[in-house]
Amino acid sequence: MIDLVVIELVVIKLVVIKLVNLVHTLSATDRNPSHRTSSPLECQSMHATPPQRRPSPLEVVTGLGRKAQRFVTSLMPVDAGRRGDCNRCGECCKLPYPCPFLRFDTEGLSRCAVYHARPPSCRKYPRTSSENLTPATCGYYFVNVADIGRAQPATEQAGG
């Protein structure tokens, strides 16, 4: 099994590379006077689509941190108490934004366009009960593994 410390170092390196590229892109845009406008209307007239708000550096770092966390946790095992099956509601595929591979059939059930090649974070969701952000609709549920061995079968009452 891959050592988690090595994985964390790789993820941190990828985050730093993304941040350096983002800072370079933002500074290049700021140096280019053709992208500066005096008003939003002037900018809208220059472009077919209205301008989008640039994420702040804090939002970028926070987003990259969440991606790194999801990547690292996707390499961890699934809780032994997970039970149930995917009921194809598609709610988990909309976290934190709709997946581009999410499709719906004529009955309204979701399906993944890349199901056999989906990433580990999709394969293992929800990995633990605390990660289940859609418990009301999700077909998976969690039981306490320690209670499984102690469960007693129900006895039938003799009756006539």
N, C-alpha and C. Protein backbone atom coordinates (compact mmCIF):
# COMPACT_ATOMS: atom_id res chain seq x y z
N MET A 1 0.84 -1.19 0.00
CA MET A 1 0.00 0.00 0.00
C MET A 1 0.88 1.24 0.00
N ILE A 2 0.43 2.23 -0.71
CA ILE A 2 1.20 3.46 -0.85
C ILE A 2 1.19 4.20 0.48
N ASP A 3 2.33 4.68 0.88
CA ASP A 3 2.45 5.40 2.14
C ASP A 3 1.71 6.73 2.03
N LEU A 4 0.84 7.03 3.00
CA LEU A 4 0.02 8.25 2.95
C LEU A 4 0.86 9.52 2.98
N VAL A 5 2.03 9.46 3.61
CA VAL A 5 2.88 10.64 3.66
C VAL A 5 3.35 11.00 2.25
N VAL A 6 3.70 10.01 1.47
CA VAL A 6 4.13 10.26 0.09
C VAL A 6 2.96 10.84 -0.71
N ILE A 7 1.79 10.31 -0.50
CA ILE A 7 0.60 10.81 -1.21
C ILE A 7 0.35 12.26 -0.83
N GLU A 8 0.44 12.58 0.46
CA GLU A 8 0.22 13.95 0.90
C GLU A 8 1.24 14.89 0.28
N LEU A 9 2.49 14.47 0.20
CA LEU A 9 3.52 15.31 -0.41
C LEU A 9 3.23 15.56 -1.89
N VAL A 10 2.78 14.54 -2.59
CA VAL A 10 2.44 14.69 -4.00
C VAL A 10 1.26 15.65 -4.16
N VAL A 11 0.26 15.51 -3.31
CA VAL A 11 -0.91 16.39 -3.37
C VAL A 11 -0.50 17.82 -3.08
N ILE A 12 0.33 18.03 -2.09
CA ILE A 12 0.79 19.38 -1.75
C ILE A 12 1.56 19.97 -2.93
N LYS A 13 2.38 19.17 -3.57
CA LYS A 13 3.14 19.65 -4.73
C LYS A 13 2.19 20.06 -5.85
N LEU A 14 1.15 19.26 -6.09
CA LEU A 14 0.18 19.59 -7.13
C LEU A 14 -0.56 20.88 -6.81
N VAL A 15 -0.91 21.07 -5.53
CA VAL A 15 -1.60 22.29 -5.12
C VAL A 15 -0.70 23.50 -5.34
N VAL A 16 0.56 23.38 -4.98
CA VAL A 16 1.49 24.49 -5.17
C VAL A 16 1.63 24.82 -6.65
N ILE A 17 1.73 23.81 -7.49
CA ILE A 17 1.85 24.05 -8.94
C ILE A 17 0.61 24.77 -9.46
N LYS A 18 -0.58 24.34 -9.01
CA LYS A 18 -1.82 25.00 -9.42
C LYS A 18 -1.84 26.47 -8.99
N LEU A 19 -1.40 26.72 -7.74
CA LEU A 19 -1.38 28.09 -7.25
C LEU A 19 -0.40 28.96 -8.04
N VAL A 20 0.77 28.44 -8.33
CA VAL A 20 1.75 29.20 -9.12
C VAL A 20 1.18 29.52 -10.50
N ASN A 21 0.55 28.54 -11.14
CA ASN A 21 -0.06 28.79 -12.46
C ASN A 21 -1.17 29.82 -12.37
N LEU A 22 -1.98 29.77 -11.30
CA LEU A 22 -3.07 30.73 -11.13
C LEU A 22 -2.52 32.14 -10.94
N VAL A 23 -1.52 32.28 -10.09
CA VAL A 23 -0.93 33.60 -9.85
C VAL A 23 -0.32 34.14 -11.14
N HIS A 24 0.35 33.29 -11.90
CA HIS A 24 0.92 33.71 -13.17
C HIS A 24 -0.17 34.19 -14.14
N THR A 25 -1.26 33.44 -14.21
CA THR A 25 -2.37 33.80 -15.10
C THR A 25 -2.99 35.12 -14.68
N LEU A 26 -3.23 35.29 -13.38
CA LEU A 26 -3.84 36.53 -12.90
C LEU A 26 -2.93 37.72 -13.13
N SER A 27 -1.65 37.57 -12.89
CA SER A 27 -0.74 38.69 -13.08
C SER A 27 -0.59 39.02 -14.57
N ALA A 28 -0.65 38.03 -15.43
CA ALA A 28 -0.56 38.28 -16.88
C ALA A 28 -1.78 39.05 -17.36
N THR A 29 -2.95 38.72 -16.82
CA THR A 29 -4.18 39.43 -17.19
C THR A 29 -4.12 40.86 -16.71
N ASP A 30 -3.59 41.08 -15.51
CA ASP A 30 -3.49 42.44 -14.98
C ASP A 30 -2.50 43.29 -15.77
N ARG A 31 -1.48 42.68 -16.36
CA ARG A 31 -0.49 43.42 -17.15
C ARG A 31 -1.00 43.76 -18.54
N ASN A 32 -2.02 43.07 -19.01
CA ASN A 32 -2.52 43.28 -20.36
C ASN A 32 -3.60 44.36 -20.35
N PRO A 33 -3.31 45.56 -20.81
CA PRO A 33 -4.30 46.64 -20.74
C PRO A 33 -5.52 46.42 -21.62
N SER A 34 -5.45 45.54 -22.62
CA SER A 34 -6.60 45.31 -23.48
C SER A 34 -7.73 44.61 -22.74
N HIS A 35 -7.42 43.99 -21.60
CA HIS A 35 -8.46 43.31 -20.82
C HIS A 35 -9.07 44.21 -19.76
N ARG A 36 -8.53 45.44 -19.64
CA ARG A 36 -9.06 46.38 -18.64
C ARG A 36 -10.16 47.21 -19.28
N THR A 37 -11.23 47.42 -18.54
CA THR A 37 -12.31 48.26 -19.03
C THR A 37 -12.70 49.22 -17.92
N SER A 38 -13.36 50.30 -18.31
CA SER A 38 -13.75 51.29 -17.31
C SER A 38 -15.09 50.97 -16.67
N SER A 39 -15.90 50.15 -17.32
CA SER A 39 -17.21 49.82 -16.75
C SER A 39 -17.63 48.42 -17.17
N PRO A 40 -18.54 47.82 -16.41
CA PRO A 40 -19.04 46.49 -16.79
C PRO A 40 -19.75 46.50 -18.14
N LEU A 41 -20.43 47.61 -18.48
CA LEU A 41 -21.11 47.67 -19.77
C LEU A 41 -20.12 47.65 -20.93
N GLU A 42 -18.99 48.36 -20.74
CA GLU A 42 -17.96 48.35 -21.78
C GLU A 42 -17.39 46.95 -21.95
N CYS A 43 -17.18 46.28 -20.83
CA CYS A 43 -16.65 44.92 -20.88
C CYS A 43 -17.67 44.00 -21.56
N GLN A 44 -18.96 44.18 -21.25
CA GLN A 44 -19.99 43.32 -21.83
C GLN A 44 -20.08 43.56 -23.33
N SER A 45 -19.87 44.78 -23.76
CA SER A 45 -19.92 45.04 -25.20
C SER A 45 -18.71 44.45 -25.92
N MET A 46 -17.59 44.25 -25.21
CA MET A 46 -16.40 43.68 -25.82
C MET A 46 -16.49 42.17 -25.96
N HIS A 47 -17.25 41.53 -25.07
CA HIS A 47 -17.33 40.08 -25.04
C HIS A 47 -18.76 39.63 -25.26
N ALA A 48 -18.92 38.44 -25.82
CA ALA A 48 -20.26 37.91 -26.07
C ALA A 48 -20.94 37.52 -24.76
N THR A 49 -20.16 37.07 -23.78
CA THR A 49 -20.74 36.66 -22.50
C THR A 49 -20.34 37.66 -21.43
N PRO A 50 -21.19 37.87 -20.44
CA PRO A 50 -20.84 38.82 -19.38
C PRO A 50 -19.64 38.30 -18.58
N PRO A 51 -18.89 39.21 -17.99
CA PRO A 51 -17.70 38.78 -17.24
C PRO A 51 -18.10 37.98 -16.00
N GLN A 52 -17.25 37.04 -15.64
CA GLN A 52 -17.48 36.26 -14.44
C GLN A 52 -16.55 36.75 -13.35
N ARG A 53 -17.00 36.67 -12.13
CA ARG A 53 -16.20 37.11 -11.00
C ARG A 53 -15.02 36.16 -10.82
N ARG A 54 -13.85 36.73 -10.66
CA ARG A 54 -12.66 35.92 -10.39
C ARG A 54 -12.69 35.45 -8.95
N PRO A 55 -12.38 34.18 -8.71
CA PRO A 55 -12.33 33.73 -7.32
C PRO A 55 -11.15 34.38 -6.60
N SER A 56 -11.35 34.67 -5.34
CA SER A 56 -10.26 35.25 -4.55
C SER A 56 -9.20 34.17 -4.31
N PRO A 57 -7.97 34.58 -4.00
CA PRO A 57 -6.94 33.58 -3.71
C PRO A 57 -7.33 32.65 -2.56
N LEU A 58 -8.05 33.18 -1.57
CA LEU A 58 -8.50 32.34 -0.46
C LEU A 58 -9.48 31.27 -0.94
N GLU A 59 -10.40 31.65 -1.84
CA GLU A 59 -11.35 30.68 -2.40
C GLU A 59 -10.63 29.62 -3.22
N VAL A 60 -9.61 30.02 -3.95
CA VAL A 60 -8.85 29.07 -4.76
C VAL A 60 -8.12 28.08 -3.85
N VAL A 61 -7.45 28.59 -2.83
CA VAL A 61 -6.71 27.73 -1.91
C VAL A 61 -7.66 26.79 -1.18
N THR A 62 -8.80 27.31 -0.74
CA THR A 62 -9.79 26.48 -0.04
C THR A 62 -10.31 25.38 -0.96
N GLY A 63 -10.63 25.73 -2.20
CA GLY A 63 -11.12 24.74 -3.16
C GLY A 63 -10.09 23.67 -3.46
N LEU A 64 -8.83 24.08 -3.63
CA LEU A 64 -7.77 23.11 -3.89
C LEU A 64 -7.53 22.23 -2.68
N GLY A 65 -7.66 22.81 -1.49
CA GLY A 65 -7.51 22.02 -0.27
C GLY A 65 -8.58 20.95 -0.16
N ARG A 66 -9.82 21.29 -0.54
CA ARG A 66 -10.90 20.31 -0.50
C ARG A 66 -10.67 19.21 -1.52
N LYS A 67 -10.17 19.58 -2.69
CA LYS A 67 -9.87 18.56 -3.71
C LYS A 67 -8.79 17.62 -3.21
N ALA A 68 -7.76 18.17 -2.60
CA ALA A 68 -6.68 17.35 -2.07
C ALA A 68 -7.20 16.42 -0.98
N GLN A 69 -8.08 16.93 -0.12
CA GLN A 69 -8.66 16.10 0.95
C GLN A 69 -9.49 14.97 0.35
N ARG A 70 -10.31 15.27 -0.65
CA ARG A 70 -11.12 14.23 -1.28
C ARG A 70 -10.25 13.18 -1.94
N PHE A 71 -9.15 13.62 -2.57
CA PHE A 71 -8.26 12.68 -3.21
C PHE A 71 -7.62 11.75 -2.19
N VAL A 72 -7.11 12.30 -1.10
CA VAL A 72 -6.45 11.48 -0.08
C VAL A 72 -7.44 10.53 0.57
N THR A 73 -8.63 11.02 0.92
CA THR A 73 -9.61 10.14 1.56
C THR A 73 -10.13 9.07 0.61
N SER A 74 -10.10 9.33 -0.70
CA SER A 74 -10.57 8.32 -1.64
C SER A 74 -9.65 7.11 -1.68
N LEU A 75 -8.43 7.27 -1.19
CA LEU A 75 -7.50 6.15 -1.15
C LEU A 75 -7.66 5.31 0.11
N MET A 76 -8.44 5.80 1.05
CA MET A 76 -8.65 5.07 2.31
C MET A 76 -9.78 4.05 2.12
N PRO A 77 -9.83 3.02 2.98
CA PRO A 77 -10.84 1.97 2.81
C PRO A 77 -12.25 2.44 3.18
N VAL A 78 -13.23 1.73 2.65
CA VAL A 78 -14.64 1.99 2.94
C VAL A 78 -14.96 1.37 4.30
N ASP A 79 -15.80 2.04 5.08
CA ASP A 79 -16.23 1.55 6.38
C ASP A 79 -16.86 0.16 6.23
N ALA A 80 -16.47 -0.77 7.10
CA ALA A 80 -16.99 -2.15 7.03
C ALA A 80 -18.48 -2.21 7.31
N GLY A 81 -19.04 -1.18 7.93
CA GLY A 81 -20.46 -1.17 8.25
C GLY A 81 -21.33 -0.59 7.15
N ARG A 82 -20.78 -0.28 6.00
CA ARG A 82 -21.59 0.28 4.91
C ARG A 82 -22.45 -0.82 4.32
N ARG A 83 -23.70 -0.55 4.17
CA ARG A 83 -24.66 -1.50 3.59
C ARG A 83 -25.48 -0.78 2.53
N GLY A 84 -26.20 -1.53 1.74
CA GLY A 84 -27.08 -0.96 0.73
C GLY A 84 -26.42 -0.89 -0.63
N ASP A 85 -27.12 -0.27 -1.56
CA ASP A 85 -26.66 -0.12 -2.93
C ASP A 85 -27.01 1.28 -3.43
N CYS A 86 -26.40 1.64 -4.51
CA CYS A 86 -26.72 2.91 -5.15
C CYS A 86 -28.15 2.81 -5.70
N ASN A 87 -28.99 3.79 -5.36
CA ASN A 87 -30.36 3.78 -5.88
C ASN A 87 -30.52 4.70 -7.10
N ARG A 88 -29.38 5.19 -7.61
CA ARG A 88 -29.33 6.00 -8.83
C ARG A 88 -30.13 7.29 -8.71
N CYS A 89 -30.09 7.91 -7.52
CA CYS A 89 -30.79 9.18 -7.35
C CYS A 89 -30.01 10.33 -8.00
N GLY A 90 -28.66 10.21 -8.05
CA GLY A 90 -27.83 11.22 -8.68
C GLY A 90 -27.47 12.40 -7.79
N GLU A 91 -27.95 12.41 -6.55
CA GLU A 91 -27.67 13.53 -5.66
C GLU A 91 -26.18 13.65 -5.33
N CYS A 92 -25.51 12.52 -5.12
CA CYS A 92 -24.08 12.57 -4.78
C CYS A 92 -23.26 13.07 -5.96
N CYS A 93 -23.77 12.90 -7.16
CA CYS A 93 -23.05 13.33 -8.36
C CYS A 93 -23.17 14.83 -8.59
N LYS A 94 -23.90 15.51 -7.73
CA LYS A 94 -24.07 16.96 -7.84
C LYS A 94 -23.27 17.69 -6.76
N LEU A 95 -22.42 16.96 -6.04
CA LEU A 95 -21.63 17.55 -4.95
C LEU A 95 -20.21 17.80 -5.41
N PRO A 96 -19.62 18.90 -5.26
CA PRO A 96 -20.20 20.19 -4.88
C PRO A 96 -20.84 20.89 -6.07
N TYR A 97 -20.67 20.36 -7.26
CA TYR A 97 -21.31 20.88 -8.46
C TYR A 97 -21.65 19.69 -9.35
N PRO A 98 -22.59 19.83 -10.29
CA PRO A 98 -23.00 18.69 -11.11
C PRO A 98 -21.83 18.11 -11.91
N CYS A 99 -21.70 16.80 -11.88
CA CYS A 99 -20.63 16.11 -12.60
C CYS A 99 -20.93 16.18 -14.10
N PRO A 100 -19.94 16.44 -14.92
CA PRO A 100 -20.19 16.50 -16.37
C PRO A 100 -20.52 15.14 -16.97
N PHE A 101 -20.28 14.05 -16.24
CA PHE A 101 -20.57 12.72 -16.76
C PHE A 101 -21.92 12.19 -16.27
N LEU A 102 -22.66 12.98 -15.52
CA LEU A 102 -23.96 12.57 -15.00
C LEU A 102 -25.00 12.64 -16.11
N ARG A 103 -25.70 11.54 -16.31
CA ARG A 103 -26.75 11.46 -17.33
C ARG A 103 -28.01 10.92 -16.66
N PHE A 104 -29.17 11.19 -17.26
CA PHE A 104 -30.44 10.68 -16.75
C PHE A 104 -31.15 9.94 -17.88
N ASP A 105 -31.77 8.81 -17.53
CA ASP A 105 -32.51 8.06 -18.54
C ASP A 105 -33.95 8.55 -18.60
N THR A 106 -34.77 7.90 -19.39
CA THR A 106 -36.16 8.34 -19.58
C THR A 106 -37.00 8.20 -18.33
N GLU A 107 -36.57 7.32 -17.41
CA GLU A 107 -37.30 7.13 -16.15
C GLU A 107 -36.83 8.09 -15.06
N GLY A 108 -35.85 8.93 -15.36
CA GLY A 108 -35.35 9.90 -14.39
C GLY A 108 -34.25 9.37 -13.49
N LEU A 109 -33.80 8.14 -13.75
CA LEU A 109 -32.71 7.58 -12.95
C LEU A 109 -31.37 8.02 -13.51
N SER A 110 -30.43 8.29 -12.60
CA SER A 110 -29.13 8.77 -13.05
C SER A 110 -28.25 7.61 -13.47
N ARG A 111 -27.27 7.94 -14.29
CA ARG A 111 -26.24 6.97 -14.66
C ARG A 111 -24.97 7.75 -14.96
N CYS A 112 -23.85 7.06 -14.84
CA CYS A 112 -22.55 7.68 -15.08
C CYS A 112 -22.08 7.32 -16.48
N ALA A 113 -21.70 8.33 -17.25
CA ALA A 113 -21.23 8.08 -18.62
C ALA A 113 -19.87 7.40 -18.64
N VAL A 114 -19.12 7.46 -17.55
CA VAL A 114 -17.80 6.83 -17.47
C VAL A 114 -17.76 5.87 -16.28
N TYR A 115 -18.85 5.13 -16.09
CA TYR A 115 -19.01 4.29 -14.90
C TYR A 115 -17.83 3.36 -14.66
N HIS A 116 -17.34 2.68 -15.67
CA HIS A 116 -16.26 1.71 -15.49
C HIS A 116 -14.90 2.37 -15.30
N ALA A 117 -14.79 3.66 -15.60
CA ALA A 117 -13.52 4.37 -15.43
C ALA A 117 -13.65 5.51 -14.42
N ARG A 118 -14.69 5.48 -13.58
CA ARG A 118 -14.91 6.57 -12.63
C ARG A 118 -13.81 6.60 -11.57
N PRO A 119 -13.53 7.78 -11.01
CA PRO A 119 -12.45 7.90 -10.03
C PRO A 119 -12.81 7.24 -8.70
N PRO A 120 -11.79 6.96 -7.87
CA PRO A 120 -12.04 6.29 -6.58
C PRO A 120 -13.00 7.05 -5.68
N SER A 121 -12.98 8.36 -5.72
CA SER A 121 -13.88 9.11 -4.85
C SER A 121 -15.34 8.84 -5.21
N CYS A 122 -15.63 8.59 -6.47
CA CYS A 122 -16.99 8.25 -6.88
C CYS A 122 -17.31 6.79 -6.53
N ARG A 123 -16.36 5.90 -6.72
CA ARG A 123 -16.57 4.49 -6.43
C ARG A 123 -16.89 4.25 -4.96
N LYS A 124 -16.26 5.02 -4.10
CA LYS A 124 -16.35 4.77 -2.66
C LYS A 124 -17.34 5.67 -1.93
N TYR A 125 -17.99 6.60 -2.60
CA TYR A 125 -18.92 7.48 -1.89
C TYR A 125 -20.19 6.74 -1.51
N PRO A 126 -20.67 6.90 -0.31
CA PRO A 126 -20.06 7.49 0.87
C PRO A 126 -19.13 6.48 1.54
N ARG A 127 -17.92 6.89 1.84
CA ARG A 127 -16.94 5.99 2.44
C ARG A 127 -17.24 5.75 3.91
N THR A 128 -17.68 6.77 4.62
CA THR A 128 -18.07 6.65 6.02
C THR A 128 -19.40 7.37 6.22
N SER A 129 -20.03 7.14 7.36
CA SER A 129 -21.33 7.79 7.60
C SER A 129 -21.17 9.31 7.70
N SER A 130 -20.03 9.78 8.19
CA SER A 130 -19.83 11.22 8.30
C SER A 130 -19.64 11.88 6.94
N GLU A 131 -19.23 11.12 5.93
CA GLU A 131 -19.06 11.66 4.58
C GLU A 131 -20.36 11.65 3.78
N ASN A 132 -21.39 10.98 4.27
CA ASN A 132 -22.64 10.89 3.53
C ASN A 132 -23.40 12.20 3.66
N LEU A 133 -23.31 13.04 2.64
CA LEU A 133 -23.96 14.34 2.66
C LEU A 133 -25.39 14.29 2.15
N THR A 134 -25.82 13.13 1.66
CA THR A 134 -27.18 12.98 1.12
C THR A 134 -27.88 11.77 1.76
N PRO A 135 -27.93 11.69 3.10
CA PRO A 135 -28.51 10.49 3.72
C PRO A 135 -30.00 10.30 3.45
N ALA A 136 -30.72 11.38 3.17
CA ALA A 136 -32.16 11.25 2.93
C ALA A 136 -32.46 10.54 1.61
N THR A 137 -31.57 10.67 0.63
CA THR A 137 -31.83 10.07 -0.68
C THR A 137 -30.89 8.93 -1.02
N CYS A 138 -29.77 8.83 -0.32
CA CYS A 138 -28.75 7.83 -0.66
C CYS A 138 -29.23 6.41 -0.30
N GLY A 139 -28.91 5.45 -1.15
CA GLY A 139 -29.28 4.06 -0.90
C GLY A 139 -28.33 3.36 0.05
N TYR A 140 -27.21 3.99 0.39
CA TYR A 140 -26.26 3.41 1.34
C TYR A 140 -26.61 3.85 2.76
N TYR A 141 -26.36 2.98 3.71
CA TYR A 141 -26.52 3.30 5.12
C TYR A 141 -25.42 2.59 5.89
N PHE A 142 -25.25 2.96 7.13
CA PHE A 142 -24.15 2.42 7.93
C PHE A 142 -24.68 1.79 9.20
N VAL A 143 -24.12 0.64 9.55
CA VAL A 143 -24.45 -0.05 10.79
C VAL A 143 -23.19 -0.16 11.63
N ASN A 144 -23.37 -0.33 12.93
CA ASN A 144 -22.24 -0.52 13.82
C ASN A 144 -21.78 -1.97 13.69
N VAL A 145 -20.57 -2.18 13.22
CA VAL A 145 -20.06 -3.53 12.98
C VAL A 145 -19.99 -4.33 14.27
N ALA A 146 -19.74 -3.68 15.38
CA ALA A 146 -19.65 -4.38 16.66
C ALA A 146 -21.00 -4.98 17.06
N ASP A 147 -22.10 -4.36 16.64
CA ASP A 147 -23.43 -4.86 17.00
C ASP A 147 -23.88 -6.02 16.11
N ILE A 148 -23.23 -6.24 14.99
CA ILE A 148 -23.67 -7.28 14.06
C ILE A 148 -23.54 -8.67 14.69
N GLY A 149 -22.43 -8.95 15.35
CA GLY A 149 -22.22 -10.27 15.95
C GLY A 149 -23.09 -10.53 17.16
N ARG A 150 -23.56 -9.45 17.82
CA ARG A 150 -24.36 -9.61 19.03
C ARG A 150 -25.87 -9.66 18.77
N ALA A 151 -26.26 -9.44 17.54
CA ALA A 151 -27.70 -9.42 17.25
C ALA A 151 -28.30 -10.80 17.44
N GLN A 152 -29.41 -10.83 18.13
CA GLN A 152 -30.11 -12.09 18.39
C GLN A 152 -31.29 -12.19 17.44
N PRO A 153 -31.52 -13.37 16.86
CA PRO A 153 -32.68 -13.50 15.98
C PRO A 153 -33.97 -13.41 16.81
N ALA A 154 -34.97 -12.85 16.19
CA ALA A 154 -36.26 -12.70 16.86
C ALA A 154 -36.89 -14.09 17.01
N THR A 155 -37.46 -14.35 18.18
CA THR A 155 -38.11 -15.64 18.41
C THR A 155 -39.60 -15.48 18.19
N GLU A 156 -40.19 -16.49 17.59
CA GLU A 156 -41.62 -16.44 17.30
C GLU A 156 -42.39 -16.91 18.54
N GLN A 157 -43.49 -16.28 18.77
CA GLN A 157 -44.33 -16.69 19.90
C GLN A 157 -45.22 -17.85 19.46
N ALA A 158 -45.39 -18.79 20.37
CA ALA A 158 -46.27 -19.91 20.07
C ALA A 158 -47.69 -19.42 20.26
N GLY A 159 -48.47 -19.63 19.29
CA GLY A 159 -49.85 -19.16 19.40
C GLY A 159 -50.78 -20.05 18.58
N GLY A 160 -51.98 -19.90 18.80
CA GLY A 160 -52.89 -20.78 18.11
C GLY A 160 -53.88 -20.10 17.40
